[in-house]
Structure formats: C-alpha cells, structure tokens
Amino acid sequence: MNNTFNIHRFNLLLKRQWLEFGKIFLITLVIAVGIFVAFYGFTLLPLQTISEIPYRLRFREPLYLIFGFLFISIIASAYFAHLGQKSKAIIDLLIPASTLEKFLAGILFTSILSTLSFTLLFYLTDFAFIGYIKTHFQNSKNVEDFENIKGFFTQNDFRNFLPFYAMPLVVTSVFMLGSIYFNRFHYIKTSICIMLFGGMLTYILSKTSDILFSGKIQTGMGNNHGKDNFEWIALIILLTFSLITWAISYVRLKEKEV
C-alpha cells in the first residue's frame, strides 16, 4: 500500500470507521449526558436558599476533569482495542488505506471529535441547569443576593490553565500506544502505567521544587510572569511528550502491518 496521503481514500476510511465505531461513540455520549444530568440534578436540585449556590457549584471542575479523562481514555481504548490482538488486528491492518491515513483517522476520532463532543455536551448541560437556577432566583425575593454572587456562575479556573488544553492529546497518545503494545487487558495495563508514571513524575517535581526553592524568599508578589512561564513550559513538555508517543505508536503500527 502506498504510504502517501490521499484525501479521497482518507474520506472513505473515515466513513468506514464511523460505520464501525460510530455506534459505540454515540452510545458513550448518551451515557455521558445521562451522568451529567443525574449529577447536576442530584447535586443542585432542589435549592432552598441562594446561599447554597457557591457551595454546590464547586463540583463542576472536578466532574469535567475526572470524567473527561475517563471518557477520552475509554473512547481511545475502544477505538484501538483490536490493535493489540493479532487475530483481530489483521482486519484493521488490511484495510486499503495507508498507515498515515489510519493514524490520522485515529487521532481525529479519539482526540479531536471526542474532546469537542464531550466539552459541548458538558457545557450545554451546565448552561441548562445554571440557566434554570438563574431564572428561578431572579424571579424570587432574593434578587439582591443573586446580584452579589452571579459572577460565581462564570468562574472556571481550569480554563485559564494552559497545560489543561494538552491533556486530551496526552491521554489519547498514551492509550493509543498502550492498545498497540499490550496484547490483553490493555486498558487496565495502560491505566496502571499512567498512575505509576504520574506518581513518579509528581514525586520528582515535588523534590526538585523543594531543592530549588528551599530557604528562598518569594519576591515580586502579584507578578504572574513566573506562573505564565511555568504554564508555557508545562504545555510545551506535554505537547512534546504527545508527539513522541504518537511517533512511537506510528512506528509500531507500521511494524504490525509488515
């Protein structure tokens, strides 16, 4: 098979993969919406007083981050599930498309489409419930209290953290490599590797920070220049790690085809 990129062949590959993978993807999205609605409903409703709102809305960031990781990892694992098993991988490897086209199709479905779909559904659910609460209290006797806390509805600190935007790429690249490398129980084995690597990385960064900043006094209070530099460095490191992992996965995929 010619390994150059052909747009017509790539479009046919996307249609084929959607026919095979689309049902799983849509079912997973429906389950995600159900979890969102159930979580928002049980957490926010009913609200007796307006003073409860700031306390109850604190679940949004953890829900988005934790469930987002699970959602993207499950989608990536399901898409690449056959690559680690020789009997099933041969069907995908013999598809009349180049390795590059198969690789790009995997990234499109597992990184771009899954992240955008999950984020859109999360914000639509969030918008619906928050809109209901706003309408309920704006029409009540607590209008003055509502004006005092209405800014809380738009607070999402994770949106201002640059490395956050690279995490879907990191998760997808790792689970792609894990699905190709491990023959059995690839999701569990990949998750264990992520936990071990994450724990070691956290420990190394913590010890490095203690060594570098121990006994030093912080200066320049209120200056975010150092924080911005750290975020850009972390973003570059995560993107570089994703590219390296994708490159390894691409080589492994070509080896399997051979």
C-alpha atoms as a PDB file:
ATOM      1  CA  MET A   1       0.000   0.000   0.000  1.00  0.00           C
ATOM      2  CA  ASN A   2       1.296   3.453  -0.983  1.00  0.00           C
ATOM      3  CA  ASN A   3       2.021   5.274   2.264  1.00  0.00           C
ATOM      4  CA  THR A   4       1.331   8.756   0.881  1.00  0.00           C
ATOM      5  CA  PHE A   5      -1.742  10.672   1.958  1.00  0.00           C
ATOM      6  CA  ASN A   6      -4.753  10.589  -0.350  1.00  0.00           C
ATOM      7  CA  ILE A   7      -7.735  12.754   0.599  1.00  0.00           C
ATOM      8  CA  HIS A   8     -10.318  10.619  -1.227  1.00  0.00           C
ATOM      9  CA  ARG A   9      -9.056   7.420   0.355  1.00  0.00           C
ATOM     10  CA  PHE A  10      -8.932   9.175   3.725  1.00  0.00           C
ATOM     11  CA  ASN A  11     -12.579  10.221   3.426  1.00  0.00           C
ATOM     12  CA  LEU A  12     -13.583   6.648   2.592  1.00  0.00           C
ATOM     13  CA  LEU A  13     -11.626   5.448   5.626  1.00  0.00           C
ATOM     14  CA  LEU A  14     -13.415   7.941   7.879  1.00  0.00           C
ATOM     15  CA  LYS A  15     -16.807   6.759   6.608  1.00  0.00           C
ATOM     16  CA  ARG A  16     -15.854   3.117   7.173  1.00  0.00           C
ATOM     17  CA  GLN A  17     -14.529   3.780  10.661  1.00  0.00           C
ATOM     18  CA  TRP A  18     -17.639   5.768  11.562  1.00  0.00           C
ATOM     19  CA  LEU A  19     -19.918   2.923  10.461  1.00  0.00           C
ATOM     20  CA  GLU A  20     -17.960   0.565  12.695  1.00  0.00           C
ATOM     21  CA  PHE A  21     -17.140   2.865  15.606  1.00  0.00           C
ATOM     22  CA  GLY A  22     -19.950   5.438  15.429  1.00  0.00           C
ATOM     23  CA  LYS A  23     -22.487   3.353  17.346  1.00  0.00           C
ATOM     24  CA  ILE A  24     -20.088   2.852  20.268  1.00  0.00           C
ATOM     25  CA  PHE A  25     -19.213   6.534  20.217  1.00  0.00           C
ATOM     26  CA  LEU A  26     -22.831   7.710  20.243  1.00  0.00           C
ATOM     27  CA  ILE A  27     -23.832   5.264  22.988  1.00  0.00           C
ATOM     28  CA  THR A  28     -20.930   6.538  25.103  1.00  0.00           C
ATOM     29  CA  LEU A  29     -22.075  10.129  24.526  1.00  0.00           C
ATOM     30  CA  VAL A  30     -25.633   9.259  25.607  1.00  0.00           C
ATOM     31  CA  ILE A  31     -24.273   7.648  28.772  1.00  0.00           C
ATOM     32  CA  ALA A  32     -22.153  10.741  29.413  1.00  0.00           C
ATOM     33  CA  VAL A  33     -25.185  13.029  29.073  1.00  0.00           C
ATOM     34  CA  GLY A  34     -27.138  10.809  31.457  1.00  0.00           C
ATOM     35  CA  ILE A  35     -24.341  11.027  34.018  1.00  0.00           C
ATOM     36  CA  PHE A  36     -24.200  14.816  33.625  1.00  0.00           C
ATOM     37  CA  VAL A  37     -27.933  15.241  34.091  1.00  0.00           C
ATOM     38  CA  ALA A  38     -28.051  12.848  37.046  1.00  0.00           C
ATOM     39  CA  PHE A  39     -25.081  14.512  38.750  1.00  0.00           C
ATOM     40  CA  TYR A  40     -26.407  18.046  38.235  1.00  0.00           C
ATOM     41  CA  GLY A  41     -29.909  17.026  39.269  1.00  0.00           C
ATOM     42  CA  PHE A  42     -28.915  15.280  42.479  1.00  0.00           C
ATOM     43  CA  THR A  43     -26.387  17.977  43.411  1.00  0.00           C
ATOM     44  CA  LEU A  44     -28.246  21.181  42.549  1.00  0.00           C
ATOM     45  CA  LEU A  45     -31.911  20.342  42.929  1.00  0.00           C
ATOM     46  CA  PRO A  46     -33.751  21.261  44.959  1.00  0.00           C
ATOM     47  CA  LEU A  47     -32.183  24.531  46.136  1.00  0.00           C
ATOM     48  CA  GLN A  48     -33.796  26.068  49.196  1.00  0.00           C
ATOM     49  CA  THR A  49     -31.730  29.240  49.552  1.00  0.00           C
ATOM     50  CA  ILE A  50     -29.486  31.214  47.237  1.00  0.00           C
ATOM     51  CA  SER A  51     -26.599  30.965  49.697  1.00  0.00           C
ATOM     52  CA  GLU A  52     -26.241  27.270  48.781  1.00  0.00           C
ATOM     53  CA  ILE A  53     -25.243  28.002  45.177  1.00  0.00           C
ATOM     54  CA  PRO A  54     -21.479  28.717  45.597  1.00  0.00           C
ATOM     55  CA  TYR A  55     -21.053  25.616  47.729  1.00  0.00           C
ATOM     56  CA  ARG A  56     -22.954  23.298  45.412  1.00  0.00           C
ATOM     57  CA  LEU A  57     -21.375  24.540  42.177  1.00  0.00           C
ATOM     58  CA  ARG A  58     -17.890  23.502  43.249  1.00  0.00           C
ATOM     59  CA  PHE A  59     -18.377  20.070  41.715  1.00  0.00           C
ATOM     60  CA  ARG A  60     -18.235  21.321  38.111  1.00  0.00           C
ATOM     61  CA  GLU A  61     -14.447  21.433  37.617  1.00  0.00           C
ATOM     62  CA  PRO A  62     -13.759  18.016  39.224  1.00  0.00           C
ATOM     63  CA  LEU A  63     -16.624  16.472  37.250  1.00  0.00           C
ATOM     64  CA  TYR A  64     -15.322  17.850  33.962  1.00  0.00           C
ATOM     65  CA  LEU A  65     -11.689  16.915  34.584  1.00  0.00           C
ATOM     66  CA  ILE A  66     -12.105  13.461  36.145  1.00  0.00           C
ATOM     67  CA  PHE A  67     -14.972  12.252  33.974  1.00  0.00           C
ATOM     68  CA  GLY A  68     -13.355  13.864  30.931  1.00  0.00           C
ATOM     69  CA  PHE A  69     -10.231  11.761  31.466  1.00  0.00           C
ATOM     70  CA  LEU A  70     -12.337   8.612  31.804  1.00  0.00           C
ATOM     71  CA  PHE A  71     -14.415   9.454  28.734  1.00  0.00           C
ATOM     72  CA  ILE A  72     -11.455  10.190  26.441  1.00  0.00           C
ATOM     73  CA  SER A  73      -9.476   7.179  27.670  1.00  0.00           C
ATOM     74  CA  ILE A  74     -12.447   4.847  27.134  1.00  0.00           C
ATOM     75  CA  ILE A  75     -13.058   6.211  23.628  1.00  0.00           C
ATOM     76  CA  ALA A  76      -9.372   5.847  22.712  1.00  0.00           C
ATOM     77  CA  SER A  77      -9.189   2.379  24.211  1.00  0.00           C
ATOM     78  CA  ALA A  78     -12.325   1.237  22.375  1.00  0.00           C
ATOM     79  CA  TYR A  79     -11.120   2.638  19.035  1.00  0.00           C
ATOM     80  CA  PHE A  80      -7.708   0.970  19.235  1.00  0.00           C
ATOM     81  CA  ALA A  81      -8.902  -2.178  21.026  1.00  0.00           C
ATOM     82  CA  HIS A  82      -8.127  -4.540  18.141  1.00  0.00           C
ATOM     83  CA  LEU A  83      -4.552  -3.454  17.546  1.00  0.00           C
ATOM     84  CA  GLY A  84      -3.101  -5.450  20.434  1.00  0.00           C
ATOM     85  CA  GLN A  85      -4.688  -8.755  19.370  1.00  0.00           C
ATOM     86  CA  LYS A  86      -3.232 -10.442  16.298  1.00  0.00           C
ATOM     87  CA  SER A  87      -6.425 -12.260  15.346  1.00  0.00           C
ATOM     88  CA  LYS A  88      -8.435  -9.008  15.329  1.00  0.00           C
ATOM     89  CA  ALA A  89      -5.702  -6.558  14.356  1.00  0.00           C
ATOM     90  CA  ILE A  90      -5.229  -8.177  10.951  1.00  0.00           C
ATOM     91  CA  ILE A  91      -8.690  -6.946   9.882  1.00  0.00           C
ATOM     92  CA  ASP A  92      -7.780  -3.329  10.636  1.00  0.00           C
ATOM     93  CA  LEU A  93      -4.247  -3.655   9.247  1.00  0.00           C
ATOM     94  CA  LEU A  94      -5.516  -4.967   5.898  1.00  0.00           C
ATOM     95  CA  ILE A  95      -7.848  -2.002   5.333  1.00  0.00           C
ATOM     96  CA  PRO A  96      -6.933  -0.479   1.935  1.00  0.00           C
ATOM     97  CA  ALA A  97      -5.523   2.736   3.385  1.00  0.00           C
ATOM     98  CA  SER A  98      -2.029   3.943   4.207  1.00  0.00           C
ATOM     99  CA  THR A  99      -0.582   3.812   7.712  1.00  0.00           C
ATOM    100  CA  LEU A 100      -0.594   7.603   7.829  1.00  0.00           C
ATOM    101  CA  GLU A 101      -4.289   7.748   6.960  1.00  0.00           C
ATOM    102  CA  LYS A 102      -5.183   5.157   9.622  1.00  0.00           C
ATOM    103  CA  PHE A 103      -3.072   7.041  12.135  1.00  0.00           C
ATOM    104  CA  LEU A 104      -4.694  10.415  11.356  1.00  0.00           C
ATOM    105  CA  ALA A 105      -8.175   8.867  11.456  1.00  0.00           C
ATOM    106  CA  GLY A 106      -7.454   7.537  14.935  1.00  0.00           C
ATOM    107  CA  ILE A 107      -6.315  10.949  16.152  1.00  0.00           C
ATOM    108  CA  LEU A 108      -9.358  12.624  14.603  1.00  0.00           C
ATOM    109  CA  PHE A 109     -11.858  10.275  16.285  1.00  0.00           C
ATOM    110  CA  THR A 110     -10.163   9.860  19.664  1.00  0.00           C
ATOM    111  CA  SER A 111      -8.595  13.282  20.265  1.00  0.00           C
ATOM    112  CA  ILE A 112     -10.486  15.927  18.337  1.00  0.00           C
ATOM    113  CA  LEU A 113     -14.013  14.542  17.946  1.00  0.00           C
ATOM    114  CA  SER A 114     -14.230  13.016  21.432  1.00  0.00           C
ATOM    115  CA  THR A 115     -12.881  16.133  23.186  1.00  0.00           C
ATOM    116  CA  LEU A 116     -15.116  18.551  21.291  1.00  0.00           C
ATOM    117  CA  SER A 117     -18.205  16.357  21.763  1.00  0.00           C
ATOM    118  CA  PHE A 118     -17.611  15.858  25.478  1.00  0.00           C
ATOM    119  CA  THR A 119     -16.932  19.575  26.066  1.00  0.00           C
ATOM    120  CA  LEU A 120     -20.002  20.641  24.070  1.00  0.00           C
ATOM    121  CA  LEU A 121     -22.321  18.265  25.927  1.00  0.00           C
ATOM    122  CA  PHE A 122     -20.876  19.269  29.294  1.00  0.00           C
ATOM    123  CA  TYR A 123     -21.352  22.983  28.645  1.00  0.00           C
ATOM    124  CA  LEU A 124     -24.851  22.519  27.231  1.00  0.00           C
ATOM    125  CA  THR A 125     -25.855  20.606  30.367  1.00  0.00           C
ATOM    126  CA  ASP A 126     -24.157  23.177  32.571  1.00  0.00           C
ATOM    127  CA  PHE A 127     -25.811  26.040  30.681  1.00  0.00           C
ATOM    128  CA  ALA A 128     -29.267  24.455  31.013  1.00  0.00           C
ATOM    129  CA  PHE A 129     -29.055  23.881  34.778  1.00  0.00           C
ATOM    130  CA  ILE A 130     -27.375  27.196  35.550  1.00  0.00           C
ATOM    131  CA  GLY A 131     -29.923  28.986  33.369  1.00  0.00           C
ATOM    132  CA  TYR A 132     -32.730  27.344  35.313  1.00  0.00           C
ATOM    133  CA  ILE A 133     -31.213  28.392  38.648  1.00  0.00           C
ATOM    134  CA  LYS A 134     -30.665  31.959  37.439  1.00  0.00           C
ATOM    135  CA  THR A 135     -34.255  32.230  36.252  1.00  0.00           C
ATOM    136  CA  HIS A 136     -35.590  30.732  39.478  1.00  0.00           C
ATOM    137  CA  PHE A 137     -33.761  33.138  41.772  1.00  0.00           C
ATOM    138  CA  GLN A 138     -34.074  36.198  39.556  1.00  0.00           C
ATOM    139  CA  ASN A 139     -37.841  35.830  39.808  1.00  0.00           C
ATOM    140  CA  SER A 140     -37.738  35.336  43.564  1.00  0.00           C
ATOM    141  CA  LYS A 141     -37.305  37.658  46.515  1.00  0.00           C
ATOM    142  CA  ASN A 142     -33.550  37.057  46.545  1.00  0.00           C
ATOM    143  CA  VAL A 143     -32.698  39.247  43.556  1.00  0.00           C
ATOM    144  CA  GLU A 144     -30.296  41.412  45.564  1.00  0.00           C
ATOM    145  CA  ASP A 145     -28.463  38.372  46.923  1.00  0.00           C
ATOM    146  CA  PHE A 146     -28.338  36.914  43.430  1.00  0.00           C
ATOM    147  CA  GLU A 147     -26.618  40.042  42.105  1.00  0.00           C
ATOM    148  CA  ASN A 148     -23.908  39.591  44.729  1.00  0.00           C
ATOM    149  CA  ILE A 149     -22.956  36.087  43.639  1.00  0.00           C
ATOM    150  CA  LYS A 150     -23.894  35.948  39.959  1.00  0.00           C
ATOM    151  CA  GLY A 151     -20.208  36.247  38.977  1.00  0.00           C
ATOM    152  CA  PHE A 152     -19.638  32.831  40.518  1.00  0.00           C
ATOM    153  CA  PHE A 153     -21.568  31.222  37.664  1.00  0.00           C
ATOM    154  CA  THR A 154     -18.800  32.069  35.190  1.00  0.00           C
ATOM    155  CA  GLN A 155     -15.840  31.014  37.334  1.00  0.00           C
ATOM    156  CA  ASN A 156     -13.992  28.072  35.782  1.00  0.00           C
ATOM    157  CA  ASP A 157     -10.369  28.290  36.857  1.00  0.00           C
ATOM    158  CA  PHE A 158      -9.262  25.291  34.781  1.00  0.00           C
ATOM    159  CA  ARG A 159      -9.915  27.230  31.562  1.00  0.00           C
ATOM    160  CA  ASN A 160      -7.052  29.608  32.408  1.00  0.00           C
ATOM    161  CA  PHE A 161      -4.511  26.816  32.963  1.00  0.00           C
ATOM    162  CA  LEU A 162      -2.653  26.296  29.675  1.00  0.00           C
ATOM    163  CA  PRO A 163      -1.428  22.689  30.233  1.00  0.00           C
ATOM    164  CA  PHE A 164      -5.074  21.669  30.597  1.00  0.00           C
ATOM    165  CA  TYR A 165      -5.587  22.034  26.836  1.00  0.00           C
ATOM    166  CA  ALA A 166      -2.855  19.489  26.053  1.00  0.00           C
ATOM    167  CA  MET A 167      -4.218  16.752  28.319  1.00  0.00           C
ATOM    168  CA  PRO A 168      -6.630  15.192  25.747  1.00  0.00           C
ATOM    169  CA  LEU A 169      -3.691  14.755  23.360  1.00  0.00           C
ATOM    170  CA  VAL A 170      -1.557  13.192  26.093  1.00  0.00           C
ATOM    171  CA  VAL A 171      -4.287  10.772  27.177  1.00  0.00           C
ATOM    172  CA  THR A 172      -5.099   9.739  23.609  1.00  0.00           C
ATOM    173  CA  SER A 173      -1.464   9.230  22.627  1.00  0.00           C
ATOM    174  CA  VAL A 174      -0.756   7.088  25.700  1.00  0.00           C
ATOM    175  CA  PHE A 175      -3.818   4.873  25.230  1.00  0.00           C
ATOM    176  CA  MET A 176      -3.065   4.507  21.528  1.00  0.00           C
ATOM    177  CA  LEU A 177       0.413   3.223  22.354  1.00  0.00           C
ATOM    178  CA  GLY A 178      -0.936   1.013  25.133  1.00  0.00           C
ATOM    179  CA  SER A 179      -3.529  -0.541  22.829  1.00  0.00           C
ATOM    180  CA  ILE A 180      -0.867  -1.319  20.236  1.00  0.00           C
ATOM    181  CA  TYR A 181       1.761  -2.541  22.698  1.00  0.00           C
ATOM    182  CA  PHE A 182      -0.280  -4.678  25.130  1.00  0.00           C
ATOM    183  CA  ASN A 183      -1.957  -7.820  23.828  1.00  0.00           C
ATOM    184  CA  ARG A 184      -4.520  -8.295  26.625  1.00  0.00           C
ATOM    185  CA  PHE A 185      -6.196  -6.040  29.185  1.00  0.00           C
ATOM    186  CA  HIS A 186      -4.598  -3.032  27.518  1.00  0.00           C
ATOM    187  CA  TYR A 187      -6.885  -0.501  29.225  1.00  0.00           C
ATOM    188  CA  ILE A 188      -6.049  -1.751  32.715  1.00  0.00           C
ATOM    189  CA  LYS A 189      -2.336  -2.103  31.983  1.00  0.00           C
ATOM    190  CA  THR A 190      -2.152   1.345  30.385  1.00  0.00           C
ATOM    191  CA  SER A 191      -4.029   2.914  33.316  1.00  0.00           C
ATOM    192  CA  ILE A 192      -1.615   1.307  35.775  1.00  0.00           C
ATOM    193  CA  CYS A 193       1.354   2.613  33.780  1.00  0.00           C
ATOM    194  CA  ILE A 194      -0.157   6.121  33.800  1.00  0.00           C
ATOM    195  CA  MET A 195      -0.655   6.010  37.578  1.00  0.00           C
ATOM    196  CA  LEU A 196       2.899   4.780  38.179  1.00  0.00           C
ATOM    197  CA  PHE A 197       4.418   7.313  35.787  1.00  0.00           C
ATOM    198  CA  GLY A 198       2.240  10.128  37.171  1.00  0.00           C
ATOM    199  CA  GLY A 199       3.225   9.249  40.731  1.00  0.00           C
ATOM    200  CA  MET A 200       6.938   9.190  39.906  1.00  0.00           C
ATOM    201  CA  LEU A 201       6.697  12.446  37.948  1.00  0.00           C
ATOM    202  CA  THR A 202       4.837  14.161  40.794  1.00  0.00           C
ATOM    203  CA  TYR A 203       7.448  12.948  43.289  1.00  0.00           C
ATOM    204  CA  ILE A 204      10.343  14.117  41.102  1.00  0.00           C
ATOM    205  CA  LEU A 205       8.784  17.543  40.523  1.00  0.00           C
ATOM    206  CA  SER A 206       7.999  17.916  44.222  1.00  0.00           C
ATOM    207  CA  LYS A 207      11.566  17.053  45.276  1.00  0.00           C
ATOM    208  CA  THR A 208      13.025  19.274  42.570  1.00  0.00           C
ATOM    209  CA  SER A 209      10.854  22.177  43.728  1.00  0.00           C
ATOM    210  CA  ASP A 210      11.949  21.636  47.344  1.00  0.00           C
ATOM    211  CA  ILE A 211      15.616  21.617  46.352  1.00  0.00           C
ATOM    212  CA  LEU A 212      15.387  24.688  44.123  1.00  0.00           C
ATOM    213  CA  PHE A 213      13.216  26.864  46.356  1.00  0.00           C
ATOM    214  CA  SER A 214      14.066  25.653  49.879  1.00  0.00           C
ATOM    215  CA  GLY A 215      15.255  28.542  52.065  1.00  0.00           C
ATOM    216  CA  LYS A 216      14.445  31.162  49.419  1.00  0.00           C
ATOM    217  CA  ILE A 217      12.078  34.092  49.847  1.00  0.00           C
ATOM    218  CA  GLN A 218       9.447  34.814  47.219  1.00  0.00           C
ATOM    219  CA  THR A 219       9.682  38.255  45.624  1.00  0.00           C
ATOM    220  CA  GLY A 220       7.520  40.134  43.164  1.00  0.00           C
ATOM    221  CA  MET A 221       4.158  39.481  44.791  1.00  0.00           C
ATOM    222  CA  GLY A 222       1.314  39.943  42.371  1.00  0.00           C
ATOM    223  CA  ASN A 223       3.512  39.298  39.337  1.00  0.00           C
ATOM    224  CA  ASN A 224       2.219  36.398  37.238  1.00  0.00           C
ATOM    225  CA  HIS A 225       5.246  36.301  34.939  1.00  0.00           C
ATOM    226  CA  GLY A 226       6.742  33.260  36.677  1.00  0.00           C
ATOM    227  CA  LYS A 227       3.405  31.435  36.644  1.00  0.00           C
ATOM    228  CA  ASP A 228       2.933  32.151  32.932  1.00  0.00           C
ATOM    229  CA  ASN A 229       6.426  30.843  32.147  1.00  0.00           C
ATOM    230  CA  PHE A 230       5.742  27.665  34.106  1.00  0.00           C
ATOM    231  CA  GLU A 231       2.462  27.081  32.252  1.00  0.00           C
ATOM    232  CA  TRP A 232       4.071  27.564  28.833  1.00  0.00           C
ATOM    233  CA  ILE A 233       6.945  25.237  29.732  1.00  0.00           C
ATOM    234  CA  ALA A 234       4.492  22.604  31.015  1.00  0.00           C
ATOM    235  CA  LEU A 235       2.389  22.966  27.839  1.00  0.00           C
ATOM    236  CA  ILE A 236       5.450  22.505  25.609  1.00  0.00           C
ATOM    237  CA  ILE A 237       6.569  19.458  27.613  1.00  0.00           C
ATOM    238  CA  LEU A 238       3.138  17.829  27.348  1.00  0.00           C
ATOM    239  CA  LEU A 239       2.871  18.507  23.613  1.00  0.00           C
ATOM    240  CA  THR A 240       6.393  17.161  23.054  1.00  0.00           C
ATOM    241  CA  PHE A 241       5.550  14.052  25.058  1.00  0.00           C
ATOM    242  CA  SER A 242       2.384  13.540  22.960  1.00  0.00           C
ATOM    243  CA  LEU A 243       4.325  13.890  19.699  1.00  0.00           C
ATOM    244  CA  ILE A 244       6.987  11.415  20.850  1.00  0.00           C
ATOM    245  CA  THR A 245       4.333   8.922  21.960  1.00  0.00           C
ATOM    246  CA  TRP A 246       2.475   9.289  18.667  1.00  0.00           C
ATOM    247  CA  ALA A 247       5.717   8.772  16.751  1.00  0.00           C
ATOM    248  CA  ILE A 248       6.395   5.539  18.658  1.00  0.00           C
ATOM    249  CA  SER A 249       2.819   4.399  18.027  1.00  0.00           C
ATOM    250  CA  TYR A 250       3.165   5.166  14.313  1.00  0.00           C
ATOM    251  CA  VAL A 251       6.353   3.086  14.075  1.00  0.00           C
ATOM    252  CA  ARG A 252       4.722   0.221  15.999  1.00  0.00           C
ATOM    253  CA  LEU A 253       1.703   0.363  13.694  1.00  0.00           C
ATOM    254  CA  LYS A 254       3.935   0.113  10.623  1.00  0.00           C
ATOM    255  CA  GLU A 255       5.769  -2.825  12.204  1.00  0.00           C
ATOM    256  CA  LYS A 256       2.472  -4.649  12.754  1.00  0.00           C
ATOM    257  CA  GLU A 257       1.494  -4.108   9.121  1.00  0.00           C
ATOM    258  CA  VAL A 258       4.818  -5.570   7.999  1.00  0.00           C
END
